[in-house]
Amino acid sequence: MIEINGVVFETKSGDFFRRKNKILKNISFQIPANEIFAIIGPNGAGKSTFLKLILNFIRPTSGTIKLSNSISIGFLPENPYYYDYLTLKELLWFSAKSYGMTRSFFSDQLDIIIEKVGLKGHLNKKLRNFSKGMTQRAGIAAAIIHNPELVILDEPMTGLDPLGRKMVFDLIQELKNEQKTILFCSHVLSDVERLCDKVAIMNQGEIKKILTREALVLAQKDMEIIVEASNKAEKLLRESGYQYRFNDSYGSMYVDRSELNSALQYLSANKLTVETIKASNATLENIFYETVKGAYPCGL
């Protein structure tokens, strides 16, 4: 779907020496079709700049970005701003026309999209009367009104209450079920680890780490049970049905707090010695912190 190869993006500073400011540094990875892919990172990491490159709003200084031929794209910016004298229906028709939709296709899609974003009954209200959360929902509707194959969302949870966040969460899952590809940035790590197939951690213009779905599943477990290493232990951990890791020194079983007792019973029944039980350090929050903290002398 998207291939990024050696992408660099630079801007020139306005000082006497005309120094170049490297915003993105040699970024390379792929986003397959029908995946939910998130980019996370601290403010100023280069996430929004990267999205603008994919959208061809700006062009890389060097490197290439290749998208599948003739795919349609929907985009929600981080801070959407619209003409506030428009009604929601007028905004969506404006967006639909921009993507070349016919009036009949727009009419067919309208009620479906409005239902998805929870704005039923607000079609004829002017945007100036919308709350921040409602404006965010309107922006999401405008981004998907034309049924795009690739949906790019920059901080889609911004300004939303818990119900709104759940709506976006469910919508992203629904879009994937419809065989769409979703690329988004977010600071809400709990949603990222539950939603995504892959996550890229960006810092200071570089991709520092890409986490697979397996790592993200592991990140959802909040307890780690450490057992002594042995061939028997490795076999039993593999057969347990729990998430686990194993090396020459020890084995780790990762569980939710609610699973802790049953996991310990399983280990006891199979006569495996538990060395220690502790809070898991494999959570996405910990991985994120450990990945980016070195760049900040006083931490994040």
Protein backbone atom coordinates (compact mmCIF):
# COMPACT_ATOMS: atom_id res chain seq x y z
CA MET A 1 0.00 0.00 0.00
CA ILE A 2 2.69 2.52 1.09
CA GLU A 3 6.46 2.15 0.63
CA ILE A 4 8.75 4.71 2.26
CA ASN A 5 12.40 4.53 1.24
CA GLY A 6 15.15 6.75 2.67
CA VAL A 7 12.93 9.79 3.14
CA VAL A 8 14.66 12.97 4.30
CA PHE A 9 12.94 16.32 4.73
CA GLU A 10 14.87 19.52 5.37
CA THR A 11 13.96 23.18 5.81
CA LYS A 12 16.29 26.17 5.67
CA SER A 13 16.71 28.37 8.70
CA GLY A 14 16.65 32.14 8.27
CA ASP A 15 20.04 32.84 9.80
CA PHE A 16 23.10 34.25 8.04
CA PHE A 17 24.61 30.86 7.25
CA ARG A 18 21.35 29.46 5.81
CA ARG A 19 21.71 26.28 7.79
CA LYS A 20 19.47 23.35 6.97
CA ASN A 21 17.15 21.98 9.61
CA LYS A 22 16.63 18.25 9.11
CA ILE A 23 13.05 17.47 10.17
CA LEU A 24 12.93 13.84 8.99
CA LYS A 25 16.01 11.62 8.75
CA ASN A 26 16.29 8.62 6.45
CA ILE A 27 12.90 7.05 7.14
CA SER A 28 12.19 3.65 5.57
CA PHE A 29 9.36 1.21 6.21
CA GLN A 30 6.23 -0.24 4.61
CA ILE A 31 2.53 -0.09 5.46
CA PRO A 32 0.67 -3.08 3.94
CA ALA A 33 -2.90 -2.83 2.74
CA ASN A 34 -5.71 -3.48 5.24
CA GLU A 35 -3.61 -2.71 8.33
CA ILE A 36 -4.07 -0.26 11.16
CA PHE A 37 -0.71 1.49 11.51
CA ALA A 38 -0.01 4.15 14.14
CA ILE A 39 2.87 6.59 14.52
CA ILE A 40 3.50 7.75 18.07
CA GLY A 41 6.09 10.13 19.43
CA PRO A 42 6.55 13.25 21.57
CA ASN A 43 5.50 16.66 20.31
CA GLY A 44 7.84 17.88 17.58
CA ALA A 45 8.95 14.38 16.60
CA GLY A 46 7.95 14.93 12.95
CA LYS A 47 4.71 12.95 12.82
CA SER A 48 2.51 15.58 11.17
CA THR A 49 5.27 16.47 8.70
CA PHE A 50 5.49 12.82 7.72
CA LEU A 51 1.73 12.66 7.08
CA LYS A 52 1.94 15.77 4.89
CA LEU A 53 4.64 14.06 2.81
CA ILE A 54 2.44 11.01 2.25
CA LEU A 55 -0.43 13.31 1.23
CA ASN A 56 1.91 15.14 -1.19
CA PHE A 57 1.24 18.48 0.51
CA ILE A 58 5.01 18.83 0.71
CA ARG A 59 7.78 16.90 -1.02
CA PRO A 60 10.78 15.11 0.49
CA THR A 61 14.25 16.55 0.13
CA SER A 62 15.37 13.05 -0.85
CA GLY A 63 13.97 9.53 -0.83
CA THR A 64 10.70 8.21 -2.20
CA ILE A 65 7.14 7.56 -1.04
CA LYS A 66 5.16 5.17 -3.22
CA LEU A 67 1.43 4.53 -2.87
CA SER A 68 -0.57 1.87 -4.66
CA ASN A 69 -1.87 3.12 -7.99
CA SER A 70 -5.04 5.23 -8.03
CA ILE A 71 -5.98 4.75 -4.38
CA SER A 72 -8.39 7.23 -2.83
CA ILE A 73 -7.34 8.93 0.41
CA GLY A 74 -9.31 10.51 3.23
CA PHE A 75 -7.55 12.88 5.66
CA LEU A 76 -8.35 14.42 9.03
CA PRO A 77 -5.81 17.10 10.13
CA GLU A 78 -4.84 17.51 13.77
CA ASN A 79 -6.74 20.78 14.22
CA PRO A 80 -9.48 20.90 11.59
CA TYR A 81 -10.92 24.33 10.81
CA TYR A 82 -13.95 24.86 8.61
CA TYR A 83 -16.04 27.78 7.42
CA ASP A 84 -18.30 28.14 10.41
CA TYR A 85 -21.23 29.55 8.45
CA LEU A 86 -21.66 26.19 6.69
CA THR A 87 -24.04 23.55 7.95
CA LEU A 88 -22.73 20.04 8.51
CA LYS A 89 -24.53 18.87 5.37
CA GLU A 90 -22.94 21.67 3.33
CA LEU A 91 -19.50 20.80 4.68
CA LEU A 92 -19.91 17.16 3.73
CA TRP A 93 -21.21 18.03 0.26
CA PHE A 94 -18.23 20.37 -0.23
CA SER A 95 -15.91 17.51 0.78
CA ALA A 96 -17.76 15.04 -1.44
CA LYS A 97 -17.54 17.34 -4.48
CA SER A 98 -13.82 17.81 -3.84
CA TYR A 99 -13.41 14.05 -4.19
CA GLY A 100 -15.55 13.95 -7.36
CA MET A 101 -18.62 12.28 -5.84
CA THR A 102 -21.91 12.51 -7.62
CA ARG A 103 -24.98 13.90 -5.87
CA SER A 104 -26.67 10.48 -5.87
CA PHE A 105 -23.64 8.70 -4.37
CA PHE A 106 -23.39 11.46 -1.76
CA SER A 107 -27.06 11.01 -0.84
CA ASP A 108 -26.55 7.25 -0.48
CA GLN A 109 -23.52 7.72 1.78
CA LEU A 110 -24.75 10.64 3.89
CA ASP A 111 -27.03 8.87 6.38
CA ILE A 112 -24.53 5.99 6.76
CA ILE A 113 -21.63 8.31 7.60
CA ILE A 114 -23.66 10.54 9.92
CA GLU A 115 -24.77 7.46 11.85
CA LYS A 116 -21.17 6.24 12.11
CA VAL A 117 -19.87 9.46 13.66
CA GLY A 118 -22.85 10.02 15.96
CA LEU A 119 -24.09 13.29 14.44
CA LYS A 120 -27.57 12.21 13.44
CA GLY A 121 -29.96 15.14 13.84
CA HIS A 122 -27.23 17.76 13.34
CA LEU A 123 -27.07 17.90 9.52
CA ASN A 124 -28.69 21.32 9.24
CA LYS A 125 -26.86 22.95 12.16
CA LYS A 126 -24.16 25.51 11.42
CA LEU A 127 -20.63 24.52 12.34
CA ARG A 128 -20.22 27.65 14.48
CA ASN A 129 -22.59 26.03 16.97
CA PHE A 130 -20.59 22.81 17.21
CA SER A 131 -18.47 21.94 20.24
CA LYS A 132 -14.85 20.97 19.72
CA GLY A 133 -15.77 17.30 19.93
CA MET A 134 -18.59 17.70 17.42
CA THR A 135 -16.25 19.53 15.04
CA GLN A 136 -13.81 16.63 15.33
CA ARG A 137 -16.60 14.20 14.46
CA ALA A 138 -17.58 16.37 11.51
CA GLY A 139 -13.97 16.28 10.31
CA ILE A 140 -13.92 12.50 10.48
CA ALA A 141 -17.16 12.36 8.49
CA ALA A 142 -15.66 14.68 5.85
CA ALA A 143 -12.59 12.43 5.64
CA ILE A 144 -14.55 9.24 4.93
CA ILE A 145 -17.63 10.51 3.05
CA HIS A 146 -16.16 9.33 -0.29
CA ASN A 147 -15.42 5.80 0.95
CA PRO A 148 -11.60 6.04 0.66
CA GLU A 149 -9.23 3.06 0.56
CA LEU A 150 -6.60 4.81 2.72
CA VAL A 151 -7.69 6.84 5.77
CA ILE A 152 -5.11 9.14 7.40
CA LEU A 153 -6.03 10.59 10.78
CA ASP A 154 -3.84 13.05 12.70
CA GLU A 155 -4.76 12.85 16.42
CA PRO A 156 -8.36 11.69 15.81
CA MET A 157 -9.14 11.45 19.55
CA THR A 158 -8.44 15.16 20.19
CA GLY A 159 -11.27 16.97 21.94
CA LEU A 160 -13.45 13.89 22.30
CA ASP A 161 -15.14 12.74 25.47
CA PRO A 162 -15.03 9.02 26.41
CA LEU A 163 -18.08 8.27 24.24
CA GLY A 164 -16.48 10.08 21.31
CA ARG A 165 -13.22 8.20 21.76
CA LYS A 166 -15.09 4.91 21.74
CA MET A 167 -16.86 6.00 18.55
CA VAL A 168 -13.53 6.67 16.83
CA PHE A 169 -12.08 3.42 18.18
CA ASP A 170 -15.03 1.40 16.85
CA LEU A 171 -15.00 3.31 13.54
CA ILE A 172 -11.33 2.53 12.91
CA GLN A 173 -11.99 -1.15 13.51
CA GLU A 174 -15.01 -0.99 11.21
CA LEU A 175 -12.95 0.66 8.46
CA LYS A 176 -10.42 -2.15 8.68
CA ASN A 177 -13.22 -4.71 8.43
CA GLU A 178 -14.21 -2.93 5.22
CA GLN A 179 -10.72 -3.73 3.84
CA LYS A 180 -9.38 -0.19 4.28
CA THR A 181 -5.92 0.85 5.43
CA ILE A 182 -5.72 3.27 8.37
CA LEU A 183 -2.69 5.38 9.25
CA PHE A 184 -2.97 7.63 12.29
CA CYS A 185 -1.03 9.53 14.92
CA SER A 186 -2.15 9.53 18.53
CA HIS A 187 -1.00 10.28 22.05
CA VAL A 188 -3.59 7.90 23.53
CA LEU A 189 -1.34 4.88 23.97
CA SER A 190 -4.01 2.63 25.47
CA ASP A 191 -6.07 2.92 22.27
CA VAL A 192 -3.00 2.44 20.08
CA GLU A 193 -1.97 -0.83 21.70
CA ARG A 194 -5.49 -2.27 21.46
CA LEU A 195 -6.18 -1.13 17.89
CA CYS A 196 -3.06 -1.46 15.82
CA ASP A 197 -1.38 -4.11 13.72
CA LYS A 198 1.89 -2.16 13.88
CA VAL A 199 3.18 0.94 15.67
CA ALA A 200 6.17 3.10 14.75
CA ILE A 201 7.82 5.14 17.49
CA MET A 202 9.21 8.39 16.06
CA ASN A 203 11.56 10.75 17.83
CA GLN A 204 13.56 13.72 16.56
CA GLY A 205 12.69 12.92 12.97
CA GLU A 206 13.69 9.26 13.08
CA ILE A 207 11.80 5.99 13.34
CA LYS A 208 13.33 4.50 16.46
CA LYS A 209 11.32 1.29 16.68
CA ILE A 210 8.48 -0.55 14.95
CA LEU A 211 6.35 -2.82 17.12
CA THR A 212 4.47 -5.78 15.66
CA ARG A 213 1.02 -6.98 16.67
CA GLU A 214 2.65 -9.64 18.85
CA ALA A 215 4.51 -6.98 20.84
CA LEU A 216 1.33 -4.92 21.16
CA VAL A 217 -0.65 -7.88 22.49
CA LEU A 218 2.12 -8.40 25.03
CA ALA A 219 1.95 -4.71 25.95
CA GLN A 220 -1.64 -5.11 27.11
CA LYS A 221 -0.60 -7.50 29.90
CA ASP A 222 0.19 -5.75 33.16
CA MET A 223 1.81 -8.57 35.19
CA GLU A 224 4.97 -10.59 34.55
CA ILE A 225 5.63 -13.96 36.21
CA ILE A 226 9.26 -15.04 35.99
CA VAL A 227 10.14 -18.75 36.20
CA GLU A 228 13.42 -20.64 36.19
CA ALA A 229 14.75 -21.57 32.76
CA SER A 230 14.59 -25.19 31.61
CA ASN A 231 13.45 -27.20 28.60
CA LYS A 232 10.40 -28.25 30.58
CA ALA A 233 9.58 -24.63 31.45
CA GLU A 234 9.85 -23.50 27.81
CA LYS A 235 7.53 -26.30 26.67
CA LEU A 236 4.95 -25.57 29.37
CA LEU A 237 4.98 -21.82 28.74
CA ARG A 238 4.47 -22.45 25.03
CA GLU A 239 1.53 -24.74 25.75
CA SER A 240 -0.03 -22.53 28.44
CA GLY A 241 -2.00 -20.27 26.12
CA TYR A 242 -0.58 -17.19 27.85
CA GLN A 243 1.79 -14.66 26.29
CA TYR A 244 5.39 -15.54 27.13
CA ARG A 245 9.06 -14.94 26.40
CA PHE A 246 11.96 -17.26 27.04
CA ASN A 247 15.77 -17.02 27.05
CA ASP A 248 18.72 -18.93 28.52
CA SER A 249 18.37 -17.23 31.92
CA TYR A 250 14.63 -17.19 32.62
CA GLY A 251 11.14 -17.44 31.21
CA SER A 252 8.42 -14.81 31.54
CA MET A 253 4.67 -15.29 31.43
CA TYR A 254 2.63 -12.11 30.82
CA VAL A 255 -0.91 -11.96 32.19
CA ASP A 256 -3.64 -9.54 33.22
CA ARG A 257 -4.20 -9.10 36.95
CA SER A 258 -7.47 -11.02 36.57
CA GLU A 259 -5.53 -13.98 35.14
CA LEU A 260 -2.83 -14.02 37.81
CA ASN A 261 -4.33 -16.68 40.10
CA SER A 262 -5.13 -19.12 37.30
CA ALA A 263 -1.66 -18.64 35.81
CA LEU A 264 -0.02 -19.37 39.17
CA GLN A 265 -2.20 -22.44 39.60
CA TYR A 266 -1.07 -23.68 36.18
CA LEU A 267 2.60 -23.20 37.09
CA SER A 268 2.15 -24.86 40.50
CA ALA A 269 0.30 -27.84 39.01
CA ASN A 270 3.20 -28.35 36.59
CA LYS A 271 5.81 -27.91 39.34
CA LEU A 272 7.51 -24.85 37.85
CA THR A 273 9.33 -22.63 40.32
CA VAL A 274 8.22 -18.99 40.31
CA GLU A 275 11.19 -16.68 40.80
CA THR A 276 9.26 -13.43 41.09
CA ILE A 277 6.02 -11.65 40.16
CA LYS A 278 6.15 -7.99 39.14
CA ALA A 279 4.43 -5.31 37.10
CA SER A 280 5.24 -5.87 33.45
CA ASN A 281 7.76 -3.55 31.83
CA ALA A 282 6.58 -4.62 28.35
CA THR A 283 3.70 -2.12 28.30
CA LEU A 284 3.58 0.31 25.39
CA GLU A 285 3.97 3.21 27.79
CA ASN A 286 7.22 1.76 29.14
CA ILE A 287 8.50 0.85 25.68
CA PHE A 288 7.72 4.36 24.45
CA TYR A 289 9.43 6.00 27.41
CA GLU A 290 12.55 3.84 27.17
CA THR A 291 12.76 4.49 23.40
CA VAL A 292 12.61 8.29 23.53
CA LYS A 293 13.90 9.27 26.99
CA GLY A 294 17.58 9.36 25.97
CA ALA A 295 16.96 12.45 23.87
CA TYR A 296 15.71 14.43 26.85
CA PRO A 297 18.21 15.25 29.61
CA CYS A 298 15.44 15.72 32.19
CA GLY A 299 13.12 13.01 30.88
CA LEU A 300 9.88 13.66 29.02
